[in-house]
Amino acid sequence: DGHSQLSAYERKRLKNITENAKFFASLQLHEVSARLHRLATKRQSPATKRAKPKKAEEEPVRRRSMRLQRVEPSGIAMPEVSTQPSAEEYPQVPAGPLPMLPEDQVGDSKLTEDLLAVWMSISEVEANEAEKHTPDMERYQENLNRMVLSEENIRKVVKNRVCSMAIHPSESIIFLAAGDRNGQIGLWNVDCRSEEGAHSFTVHNDSVNCMHFSPGNPAQLLSLSTDTLRCADVTRALFDEIYRGEQMSSFDFLGDGGSAAVVGQWTGDILVVDRRTPGASPELSADIGFTRTRTVHVHPVHKHYFMAAGSVDVAVYDVRYLKTSKNKPVSSLQGHTKSVASAYFSPVTGHRVVTVCADDKLRRELVSSLKQPAPEQEDTVSSCTRGSLGSGAIWDPKQEDCFVVGSMVQPRQIEVFQDTGKLLHAFCNPDCLASVCSINVLHPSKNILVGGNSSGRLHVFKEE
C-alpha cells in the first residue's frame, strides 16, 4: 500500500523481488556452505599427489612439412644450404706482389689497360707546388654553392661498405680510389661516362682501413688493411707488398717523398715503416701508452710530428724521439670522455685540430705551439644531431679553417663547418643522395667533394 504511486509493472517487479528473497532465506544456504567447508577441511590429505606424466607413446607425433625436412616431393633429400660465405666466395689473397687484374676478368684486358693508362698519364704531369693559400670566406662559400651532384656522377665502385677513399691530385681528370670492408679496391675515372670507367681488384683479406696516393709519386697508391700495407704501382701494373703485420688501423706519410710512413695499430702501438729498407720488419715498434689507436696524422709543416687518436686519448709525438716504451707526448688534447674516432691537423699551418668523439661532438682545438702541454683553446661544435659520424671530420685542403663531415640529418647531406662552429654549407640532393656518406674526401686544388656510403657507391659533387 505504501507503493501506490508506482506503476503496475513496478509493483509486480517489487513483489517478485520480495518473494525471491524470502525463498532463498528459507533454504539457509550459508549454513550448508559452512558445513561443506568443515567436511572438506577434515578429509583433506596432508600430501598432495602429483599427476602422473603422460607416457611418451601417448604424445601425438608432431608433423613437419616436406619443406622443413628439406625433402623434394619425390622423396629425394635436398642439399643443405650454408648461411656462411664459402671459401670460394671470399678466397684468401696470397702474400707477395699481385698483378693488376680485375676480379671479374681473367688475363689481359683492353678496358683495364685503358683505365691504367689514364692513371699513368695524369701521374706524369708535374705536381703544382704553388704555395697554399686560403681564399676569403665569401669566395669560398660561392665555390661551395656551385658544387652539385648529378646521377651521372654516382657509381658503385666496390661491392661493400666504403671504408676509405683517395683522390688523385690531377687537375685534368677526376680519378678516384675506394676500399671496402672485404679488401676490395675500386678505381674510377669519373670523366669516363661508360661502364668501363671503373674496375675493382681484390687486394686485401680484410677491411681497407686507409689509403693515400703517394705525395712524391701519384702513380703509386698505398692501401692498408688489418694485416697488410700494399703499394699499387701503375708503372709496373703490380700491387706490391710493403709490410705484413697485425692489427693495423691507419697510416700517414712522414715526408713529401712518401717512402716512410707512421702506422697505427688497434692494439695501441705505433710502427715506423720505411719502403727503402729491405726486409719485412718495421724500423720501430713503439708503445705510446694507448689501449687503441684509430688514426695517425702527420703535421703538414713539421713532418717529424704526428698525432694519434685512440680510446679517449689524443696526443702529439715527435717521431725522432720515439723509443720502444715509455714515450711521452709533446702535447695532449684533453676533454674527451669516450672513444675518439679521428683527429687531424689543419692542412696549411697545422695550428688547428679537429676531433670526432663517440659522444657525438666535433671539437676544434688551437695548437699554436706544439711544445705546449695542452692546446690554447677548445670549442665544442655541434653535437647530438650528427648521429653516427663514421670516420670523422676532415679539413678542406684548400681552406685552413673549414672542415667537412657526413650527417644523418634528413634529407641526407654532407656538411661544411667553419672552425667557429658555424654551418657554412650542406651538400644534398634528395633525388640522388638518400644514404649517409660517412667517408669523404676533397680534391687538394679543385672544387670537388666525394662521399662514400655503406653500399659501395661514390657520390661526386663538383662544379658544372
Protein backbone atom coordinates (compact mmCIF):
# COMPACT_ATOMS: atom_id res chain seq x y z
CA ASP A 1 0.00 0.00 0.00
CA GLY A 2 2.94 2.30 0.58
CA HIS A 3 3.86 1.99 -3.12
CA SER A 4 0.59 3.22 -4.60
CA GLN A 5 2.37 5.80 -6.68
CA LEU A 6 4.28 3.06 -8.64
CA SER A 7 3.01 1.73 -11.90
CA ALA A 8 1.54 -1.74 -12.17
CA TYR A 9 4.74 -3.11 -13.71
CA GLU A 10 6.97 -1.68 -10.98
CA ARG A 11 4.68 -3.04 -8.21
CA LYS A 12 4.78 -6.52 -9.77
CA ARG A 13 8.58 -6.37 -10.09
CA LEU A 14 8.95 -5.35 -6.44
CA LYS A 15 6.67 -8.21 -5.34
CA ASN A 16 8.79 -10.77 -7.25
CA ILE A 17 11.98 -9.49 -5.63
CA THR A 18 10.45 -9.79 -2.15
CA GLU A 19 9.19 -13.37 -2.74
CA ASN A 20 12.58 -14.46 -4.14
CA ALA A 21 14.41 -13.06 -1.13
CA LYS A 22 12.10 -14.99 1.25
CA PHE A 23 12.65 -18.21 -0.76
CA PHE A 24 16.46 -18.05 -0.62
CA ALA A 25 16.37 -17.20 3.10
CA SER A 26 14.30 -20.35 3.77
CA LEU A 27 16.96 -22.51 2.12
CA GLN A 28 19.61 -21.48 4.70
CA LEU A 29 22.43 -21.73 2.12
CA HIS A 30 25.01 -20.09 4.40
CA GLU A 31 24.70 -22.95 6.91
CA VAL A 32 25.08 -25.58 4.18
CA SER A 33 28.17 -23.82 2.81
CA ALA A 34 29.81 -23.73 6.25
CA ARG A 35 29.08 -27.45 6.84
CA LEU A 36 30.59 -28.45 3.49
CA HIS A 37 33.72 -26.41 4.18
CA ARG A 38 34.27 -28.22 7.53
CA LEU A 39 33.90 -31.61 5.89
CA ALA A 40 36.35 -30.76 3.10
CA THR A 41 38.98 -29.49 5.58
CA LYS A 42 38.68 -32.60 7.75
CA ARG A 43 39.08 -35.08 4.86
CA GLN A 44 41.95 -33.26 3.04
CA SER A 45 45.10 -35.40 2.70
CA PRO A 46 48.33 -33.89 4.13
CA ALA A 47 50.25 -34.74 0.96
CA THR A 48 49.11 -33.66 -2.46
CA LYS A 49 49.50 -36.32 -5.13
CA ARG A 50 51.29 -35.29 -8.32
CA ALA A 51 49.73 -36.05 -11.63
CA LYS A 52 51.39 -38.88 -13.47
CA PRO A 53 53.23 -37.75 -16.60
CA LYS A 54 51.92 -38.99 -19.86
CA LYS A 55 53.78 -41.80 -21.47
CA ALA A 56 55.89 -40.97 -24.48
CA GLU A 57 53.83 -43.17 -26.71
CA GLU A 58 50.72 -41.25 -25.74
CA GLU A 59 52.15 -37.92 -27.04
CA PRO A 60 50.95 -37.03 -30.52
CA VAL A 61 53.58 -37.07 -33.24
CA ARG A 62 54.46 -33.57 -34.45
CA ARG A 63 54.05 -33.18 -38.17
CA ARG A 64 56.72 -31.44 -40.23
CA SER A 65 56.29 -30.31 -43.77
CA MET A 66 58.49 -31.71 -46.53
CA ARG A 67 59.93 -28.23 -47.00
CA LEU A 68 61.17 -28.13 -43.37
CA GLN A 69 62.54 -31.65 -43.74
CA ARG A 70 64.35 -30.45 -46.90
CA VAL A 71 62.82 -33.22 -48.98
CA GLU A 72 61.55 -32.81 -52.50
CA PRO A 73 58.02 -34.07 -53.28
CA SER A 74 59.65 -37.02 -55.00
CA GLY A 75 61.29 -38.04 -51.71
CA ILE A 76 64.85 -37.02 -52.65
CA ALA A 77 66.70 -35.13 -49.91
CA MET A 78 67.75 -31.57 -50.77
CA PRO A 79 71.34 -30.40 -50.17
CA GLU A 80 71.96 -28.33 -47.03
CA VAL A 81 72.26 -24.59 -47.58
CA SER A 82 75.10 -22.89 -45.69
CA THR A 83 74.48 -19.41 -44.31
CA GLN A 84 78.20 -18.67 -44.06
CA PRO A 85 80.18 -17.48 -47.10
CA SER A 86 82.17 -20.27 -48.62
CA ALA A 87 85.92 -20.20 -49.10
CA GLU A 88 85.35 -19.81 -52.83
CA GLU A 89 83.24 -16.68 -52.26
CA TYR A 90 86.00 -14.91 -50.28
CA PRO A 91 89.29 -16.55 -51.31
CA GLN A 92 92.37 -15.62 -49.32
CA VAL A 93 94.73 -13.18 -51.02
CA PRO A 94 98.24 -14.66 -51.15
CA ALA A 95 101.26 -12.84 -49.77
CA GLY A 96 103.64 -11.00 -52.05
CA PRO A 97 103.03 -8.90 -55.17
CA LEU A 98 99.76 -9.24 -57.09
CA PRO A 99 99.15 -8.40 -60.76
CA MET A 100 96.68 -5.62 -61.55
CA LEU A 101 93.93 -7.84 -62.89
CA PRO A 102 90.30 -7.00 -62.11
CA GLU A 103 88.50 -9.77 -60.25
CA ASP A 104 85.81 -10.03 -62.95
CA GLN A 105 88.33 -10.58 -65.74
CA VAL A 106 91.00 -13.17 -66.47
CA GLY A 107 94.17 -12.32 -68.35
CA ASP A 108 94.89 -9.07 -70.14
CA SER A 109 92.01 -6.74 -70.84
CA LYS A 110 91.92 -3.75 -73.15
CA LEU A 111 89.44 -1.99 -70.85
CA THR A 112 91.67 -2.39 -67.82
CA GLU A 113 94.67 -1.22 -69.81
CA ASP A 114 92.80 1.95 -70.78
CA LEU A 115 92.00 2.73 -67.14
CA LEU A 116 95.58 2.15 -66.01
CA ALA A 117 96.87 4.18 -68.94
CA VAL A 118 94.79 7.13 -67.80
CA TRP A 119 96.19 6.79 -64.28
CA MET A 120 99.75 6.71 -65.64
CA SER A 121 99.26 9.69 -67.95
CA ILE A 122 97.86 12.01 -65.29
CA SER A 123 100.62 10.96 -62.86
CA GLU A 124 103.38 12.06 -65.25
CA VAL A 125 102.25 15.69 -65.02
CA GLU A 126 104.36 17.60 -62.53
CA ALA A 127 102.51 18.47 -59.36
CA ASN A 128 101.63 22.08 -58.79
CA GLU A 129 103.90 23.21 -55.98
CA ALA A 130 102.42 26.69 -55.64
CA GLU A 131 102.09 28.00 -52.10
CA LYS A 132 98.84 27.06 -50.44
CA HIS A 133 96.54 29.95 -49.70
CA THR A 134 93.19 30.38 -48.04
CA PRO A 135 90.57 32.31 -50.06
CA ASP A 136 88.26 34.70 -48.28
CA MET A 137 85.12 33.19 -46.77
CA GLU A 138 82.71 34.87 -49.19
CA ARG A 139 84.52 33.45 -52.22
CA TYR A 140 84.82 30.06 -50.54
CA GLN A 141 81.06 29.86 -49.96
CA GLU A 142 80.42 30.82 -53.57
CA ASN A 143 82.58 27.88 -54.64
CA LEU A 144 80.61 25.55 -52.38
CA ASN A 145 77.30 26.72 -53.83
CA ARG A 146 78.46 25.89 -57.35
CA MET A 147 79.24 22.26 -56.49
CA VAL A 148 76.33 19.92 -57.34
CA LEU A 149 75.61 16.20 -57.58
CA SER A 150 74.08 14.58 -60.67
CA GLU A 151 73.12 10.97 -61.43
CA GLU A 152 75.96 10.51 -63.90
CA ASN A 153 78.46 11.25 -61.11
CA ILE A 154 77.28 8.38 -58.91
CA ARG A 155 78.84 4.94 -59.34
CA LYS A 156 79.02 1.70 -57.37
CA VAL A 157 82.77 1.17 -57.34
CA VAL A 158 83.20 -1.60 -54.72
CA LYS A 159 80.88 -4.38 -53.54
CA ASN A 160 80.52 -3.50 -49.86
CA ARG A 161 80.80 -0.63 -47.38
CA VAL A 162 83.32 2.05 -48.30
CA CYS A 163 85.94 2.20 -45.52
CA SER A 164 88.50 4.53 -47.14
CA MET A 165 88.94 6.73 -50.21
CA ALA A 166 91.65 8.68 -52.02
CA ILE A 167 91.50 11.25 -54.81
CA HIS A 168 94.29 11.72 -57.37
CA PRO A 169 95.80 15.25 -57.30
CA SER A 170 95.43 15.65 -61.09
CA GLU A 171 93.65 18.82 -62.19
CA SER A 172 92.72 17.46 -65.62
CA ILE A 173 90.83 14.24 -64.76
CA ILE A 174 88.90 13.14 -61.68
CA PHE A 175 90.44 9.80 -60.71
CA LEU A 176 89.22 8.07 -57.52
CA ALA A 177 90.17 5.05 -55.43
CA ALA A 178 87.96 3.38 -52.81
CA GLY A 179 88.48 0.44 -50.46
CA ASP A 180 85.71 -1.65 -48.89
CA ARG A 181 85.33 -3.84 -45.82
CA ASN A 182 86.25 -7.09 -47.61
CA GLY A 183 89.60 -5.97 -49.01
CA GLN A 184 88.46 -4.82 -52.44
CA ILE A 185 89.88 -1.70 -54.10
CA GLY A 186 87.96 0.11 -56.83
CA LEU A 187 89.41 2.59 -59.34
CA TRP A 188 87.10 5.03 -61.13
CA ASN A 189 87.81 7.52 -63.90
CA VAL A 190 84.85 9.85 -63.30
CA ASP A 191 85.31 11.60 -66.64
CA CYS A 192 84.75 8.31 -68.49
CA ARG A 193 80.98 8.08 -68.88
CA SER A 194 80.88 4.42 -69.92
CA GLU A 195 80.69 1.39 -67.64
CA GLU A 196 84.35 0.65 -68.39
CA GLY A 197 85.41 3.71 -66.40
CA ALA A 198 85.56 1.71 -63.14
CA HIS A 199 87.24 -1.58 -62.21
CA SER A 200 87.69 -3.40 -58.89
CA PHE A 201 90.59 -5.50 -57.60
CA THR A 202 90.74 -7.91 -54.65
CA VAL A 203 93.93 -6.86 -52.89
CA HIS A 204 93.50 -7.47 -49.14
CA ASN A 205 91.91 -10.10 -46.92
CA ASP A 206 90.22 -7.59 -44.63
CA SER A 207 88.84 -4.07 -44.46
CA VAL A 208 90.86 -1.43 -46.33
CA ASN A 209 91.16 0.98 -43.41
CA CYS A 210 93.25 3.71 -45.02
CA MET A 211 94.59 4.69 -48.47
CA HIS A 212 96.59 7.59 -49.98
CA PHE A 213 98.20 8.42 -53.30
CA SER A 214 101.92 8.90 -52.72
CA PRO A 215 102.77 12.62 -52.38
CA GLY A 216 106.03 12.12 -54.24
CA ASN A 217 104.69 9.86 -56.98
CA PRO A 218 100.91 9.82 -57.62
CA ALA A 219 101.40 6.81 -59.92
CA GLN A 220 101.52 4.86 -56.64
CA LEU A 221 98.54 4.19 -54.35
CA LEU A 222 99.22 2.87 -50.87
CA SER A 223 96.48 0.95 -49.08
CA LEU A 224 96.41 -0.56 -45.60
CA SER A 225 94.28 -3.34 -44.16
CA THR A 226 94.45 -5.08 -40.80
CA ASP A 227 97.39 -7.28 -41.82
CA THR A 228 98.93 -5.74 -44.96
CA LEU A 229 100.33 -2.48 -46.31
CA ARG A 230 100.45 -2.57 -50.13
CA CYS A 231 101.53 -0.21 -52.88
CA ALA A 232 99.71 -0.21 -56.21
CA ASP A 233 102.34 0.85 -58.76
CA VAL A 234 100.71 1.51 -62.13
CA THR A 235 104.09 1.75 -63.89
CA ARG A 236 104.69 -1.93 -63.07
CA ALA A 237 101.00 -2.99 -63.02
CA LEU A 238 101.50 -4.56 -59.58
CA PHE A 239 100.04 -4.40 -56.09
CA ASP A 240 103.31 -4.79 -54.22
CA GLU A 241 103.50 -5.80 -50.58
CA ILE A 242 105.38 -3.31 -48.40
CA TYR A 243 104.74 -4.67 -44.93
CA ARG A 244 102.83 -7.56 -43.39
CA GLY A 245 101.83 -7.22 -39.75
CA GLU A 246 98.86 -7.45 -37.39
CA GLN A 247 96.02 -5.22 -36.16
CA MET A 248 96.90 -2.17 -38.29
CA SER A 249 94.36 0.68 -38.34
CA SER A 250 95.76 3.68 -40.29
CA PHE A 251 98.91 5.27 -41.69
CA ASP A 252 100.31 8.57 -42.95
CA PHE A 253 103.48 9.63 -44.77
CA LEU A 254 106.33 11.06 -42.74
CA GLY A 255 107.73 13.08 -45.64
CA ASP A 256 106.88 14.51 -49.04
CA GLY A 257 108.64 11.63 -50.80
CA GLY A 258 106.23 9.00 -49.47
CA SER A 259 108.95 6.48 -48.62
CA ALA A 260 108.49 6.41 -44.84
CA ALA A 261 105.18 6.07 -43.01
CA VAL A 262 103.90 6.01 -39.47
CA VAL A 263 101.36 3.23 -38.86
CA GLY A 264 98.83 2.96 -36.05
CA GLN A 265 97.66 -0.35 -34.59
CA TRP A 266 94.37 -1.33 -32.98
CA THR A 267 96.45 -2.60 -30.04
CA GLY A 268 97.64 0.98 -29.42
CA ASP A 269 101.24 0.73 -30.61
CA ILE A 270 102.90 2.80 -33.34
CA LEU A 271 105.06 1.41 -36.17
CA VAL A 272 107.54 3.23 -38.39
CA VAL A 273 107.86 1.60 -41.83
CA ASP A 274 110.40 2.63 -44.48
CA ARG A 275 109.99 1.26 -48.01
CA ARG A 276 113.67 1.86 -48.78
CA THR A 277 114.80 -0.64 -46.15
CA PRO A 278 114.98 -4.26 -47.36
CA GLY A 279 113.06 -6.85 -45.39
CA ALA A 280 109.60 -7.01 -43.87
CA SER A 281 110.39 -5.73 -40.38
CA PRO A 282 109.39 -2.21 -39.26
CA GLU A 283 112.03 0.34 -38.40
CA LEU A 284 110.49 0.77 -34.97
CA SER A 285 107.62 -0.52 -32.85
CA ALA A 286 106.75 1.95 -30.11
CA ASP A 287 104.39 1.68 -27.14
CA ILE A 288 102.82 5.14 -26.64
CA GLY A 289 100.56 4.05 -23.78
CA PHE A 290 97.35 3.87 -25.81
CA THR A 291 94.95 0.95 -25.47
CA ARG A 292 93.77 1.57 -29.05
CA THR A 293 94.98 3.77 -31.91
CA ARG A 294 92.38 4.59 -34.56
CA THR A 295 94.05 7.30 -36.65
CA VAL A 296 97.51 8.81 -37.09
CA HIS A 297 98.15 12.09 -38.89
CA VAL A 298 101.45 13.84 -39.68
CA HIS A 299 101.82 17.61 -39.20
CA PRO A 300 101.63 19.41 -42.59
CA VAL A 301 104.68 21.61 -41.90
CA HIS A 302 106.81 19.83 -39.31
CA LYS A 303 106.85 16.30 -40.70
CA HIS A 304 108.53 14.78 -37.64
CA TYR A 305 105.41 15.45 -35.54
CA PHE A 306 102.39 13.16 -35.75
CA MET A 307 99.10 12.98 -33.87
CA ALA A 308 97.49 9.76 -32.64
CA ALA A 309 93.85 9.34 -31.64
CA GLY A 310 92.53 6.36 -29.70
CA SER A 311 90.20 5.36 -26.90
CA VAL A 312 89.96 8.66 -25.01
CA ASP A 313 93.45 9.81 -25.95
CA VAL A 314 94.61 12.42 -28.46
CA ALA A 315 98.30 13.28 -28.32
CA VAL A 316 101.15 14.60 -30.46
CA TYR A 317 104.51 12.80 -30.61
CA ASP A 318 107.92 13.52 -32.13
CA VAL A 319 108.96 10.55 -34.25
CA ARG A 320 112.64 11.46 -33.77
CA TYR A 321 112.43 10.64 -30.07
CA LEU A 322 110.24 7.55 -30.19
CA LYS A 323 111.56 4.51 -28.39
CA THR A 324 110.24 1.05 -27.67
CA SER A 325 108.42 2.07 -24.48
CA LYS A 326 107.85 4.92 -22.01
CA ASN A 327 107.16 7.52 -24.69
CA LYS A 328 105.88 10.92 -23.58
CA PRO A 329 103.76 13.12 -25.87
CA VAL A 330 104.81 16.58 -26.94
CA SER A 331 101.24 17.79 -26.45
CA SER A 332 97.98 16.22 -25.25
CA LEU A 333 94.45 17.30 -26.11
CA GLN A 334 92.16 16.88 -23.11
CA GLY A 335 88.40 16.78 -22.70
CA HIS A 336 87.40 13.55 -24.46
CA THR A 337 85.42 11.12 -22.30
CA LYS A 338 84.61 8.46 -24.89
CA SER A 339 86.29 6.77 -27.84
CA VAL A 340 87.83 9.20 -30.34
CA ALA A 341 87.15 8.29 -33.97
CA SER A 342 89.69 10.64 -35.57
CA ALA A 343 91.95 13.65 -35.08
CA TYR A 344 93.55 15.71 -37.87
CA PHE A 345 95.78 18.77 -38.16
CA SER A 346 94.56 21.68 -40.28
CA PRO A 347 96.05 21.49 -43.80
CA VAL A 348 98.13 24.68 -44.12
CA THR A 349 99.63 25.62 -40.76
CA GLY A 350 98.64 22.70 -38.55
CA HIS A 351 97.65 25.16 -35.81
CA ARG A 352 94.13 23.74 -35.58
CA VAL A 353 92.97 20.22 -34.76
CA VAL A 354 89.52 18.76 -35.38
CA THR A 355 88.44 15.65 -33.49
CA VAL A 356 85.34 13.46 -33.51
CA CYS A 357 84.32 11.59 -30.37
CA ALA A 358 81.74 8.88 -29.62
CA ASP A 359 79.83 11.46 -27.57
CA ASP A 360 78.66 12.83 -30.98
CA LYS A 361 80.72 16.00 -30.59
CA LEU A 362 83.06 17.70 -33.03
CA ARG A 363 85.85 19.57 -31.28
CA ARG A 364 88.21 22.17 -32.67
CA GLU A 365 91.39 22.88 -30.77
CA LEU A 366 94.02 25.56 -31.31
CA VAL A 367 97.61 24.43 -31.01
CA SER A 368 99.81 27.39 -31.85
CA SER A 369 102.90 25.75 -30.34
CA LEU A 370 103.48 22.01 -30.18
CA LYS A 371 105.80 22.49 -27.24
CA GLN A 372 102.88 23.45 -25.03
CA PRO A 373 101.45 20.64 -22.86
CA ALA A 374 97.87 21.44 -23.88
CA PRO A 375 96.01 23.42 -26.55
CA GLU A 376 95.33 27.10 -26.01
CA GLN A 377 91.59 26.85 -26.56
CA GLU A 378 88.89 24.28 -27.17
CA ASP A 379 85.47 24.81 -28.74
CA THR A 380 82.67 22.27 -28.91
CA VAL A 381 80.96 22.34 -32.29
CA SER A 382 77.53 20.80 -32.97
CA SER A 383 76.67 17.62 -31.16
CA CYS A 384 73.69 15.34 -30.80
CA THR A 385 72.11 15.84 -34.22
CA ARG A 386 75.13 14.45 -36.05
CA GLY A 387 74.44 10.84 -35.10
CA SER A 388 76.99 8.40 -36.43
CA LEU A 389 79.97 10.38 -37.69
CA GLY A 390 81.72 7.48 -39.41
CA SER A 391 85.46 8.02 -39.83
CA GLY A 392 85.18 11.61 -38.69
CA ALA A 393 85.61 15.16 -39.88
CA ILE A 394 88.25 16.10 -42.47
CA TRP A 395 89.73 19.50 -43.24
CA ASP A 396 89.31 21.02 -46.67
CA PRO A 397 92.90 21.08 -48.01
CA LYS A 398 92.11 24.37 -49.78
CA GLN A 399 90.78 26.13 -46.66
CA GLU A 400 92.69 26.34 -43.39
CA ASP A 401 89.69 26.83 -41.09
CA CYS A 402 86.88 24.71 -42.64
CA PHE A 403 86.11 21.02 -42.38
CA VAL A 404 83.61 18.53 -43.80
CA VAL A 405 81.63 15.79 -42.05
CA GLY A 406 78.86 13.37 -43.03
CA SER A 407 75.47 13.82 -41.38
CA MET A 408 72.40 11.73 -40.57
CA VAL A 409 70.10 14.73 -40.92
CA GLN A 410 67.19 14.26 -43.36
CA PRO A 411 67.47 14.79 -46.25
CA ARG A 412 70.89 13.11 -46.23
CA GLN A 413 73.73 15.57 -46.60
CA ILE A 414 77.42 16.34 -46.16
CA GLU A 415 78.03 19.44 -44.05
CA VAL A 416 80.77 22.05 -44.14
CA PHE A 417 81.64 23.85 -40.88
CA GLN A 418 83.87 26.76 -40.08
CA ASP A 419 86.10 26.17 -37.07
CA THR A 420 83.94 28.59 -35.06
CA GLY A 421 81.07 26.10 -35.27
CA LYS A 422 79.16 27.95 -37.97
CA LEU A 423 77.50 25.74 -40.60
CA LEU A 424 78.60 27.15 -43.95
CA HIS A 425 77.00 24.78 -46.42
CA ALA A 426 75.12 21.47 -46.70
CA PHE A 427 75.70 19.35 -49.79
CA CYS A 428 72.49 17.48 -50.59
CA ASN A 429 70.32 16.26 -53.44
CA PRO A 430 67.22 14.34 -52.30
CA ASP A 431 66.82 12.80 -55.76
CA CYS A 432 70.36 11.39 -55.87
CA LEU A 433 71.61 11.14 -52.28
CA ALA A 434 69.49 9.06 -49.91
CA SER A 435 72.19 7.50 -47.71
CA VAL A 436 74.76 8.61 -45.15
CA CYS A 437 78.21 9.39 -46.58
CA SER A 438 80.39 8.53 -43.59
CA ILE A 439 83.62 8.59 -45.65
CA ASN A 440 84.51 11.81 -47.51
CA VAL A 441 87.48 13.19 -49.41
CA LEU A 442 88.20 16.57 -51.05
CA HIS A 443 90.43 17.41 -54.01
CA PRO A 444 93.61 19.26 -52.95
CA SER A 445 93.21 22.06 -55.53
CA LYS A 446 89.85 21.78 -57.33
CA ASN A 447 86.31 22.23 -56.01
CA ILE A 448 85.46 18.52 -55.83
CA LEU A 449 83.94 16.57 -52.92
CA VAL A 450 83.41 12.79 -52.92
CA GLY A 451 81.26 10.92 -50.41
CA GLY A 452 81.20 7.13 -49.97
CA ASN A 453 78.35 5.13 -48.41
CA SER A 454 77.72 1.68 -46.96
CA SER A 455 76.70 0.09 -50.28
CA GLY A 456 79.96 0.87 -52.11
CA ARG A 457 78.72 3.91 -54.03
CA LEU A 458 80.67 7.11 -54.55
CA HIS A 459 78.93 10.49 -54.96
CA VAL A 460 80.89 13.28 -56.66
CA PHE A 461 79.92 16.90 -56.02
CA LYS A 462 81.65 19.21 -58.49
CA GLU A 463 81.20 22.43 -60.42
CA GLU A 464 79.08 22.11 -63.53
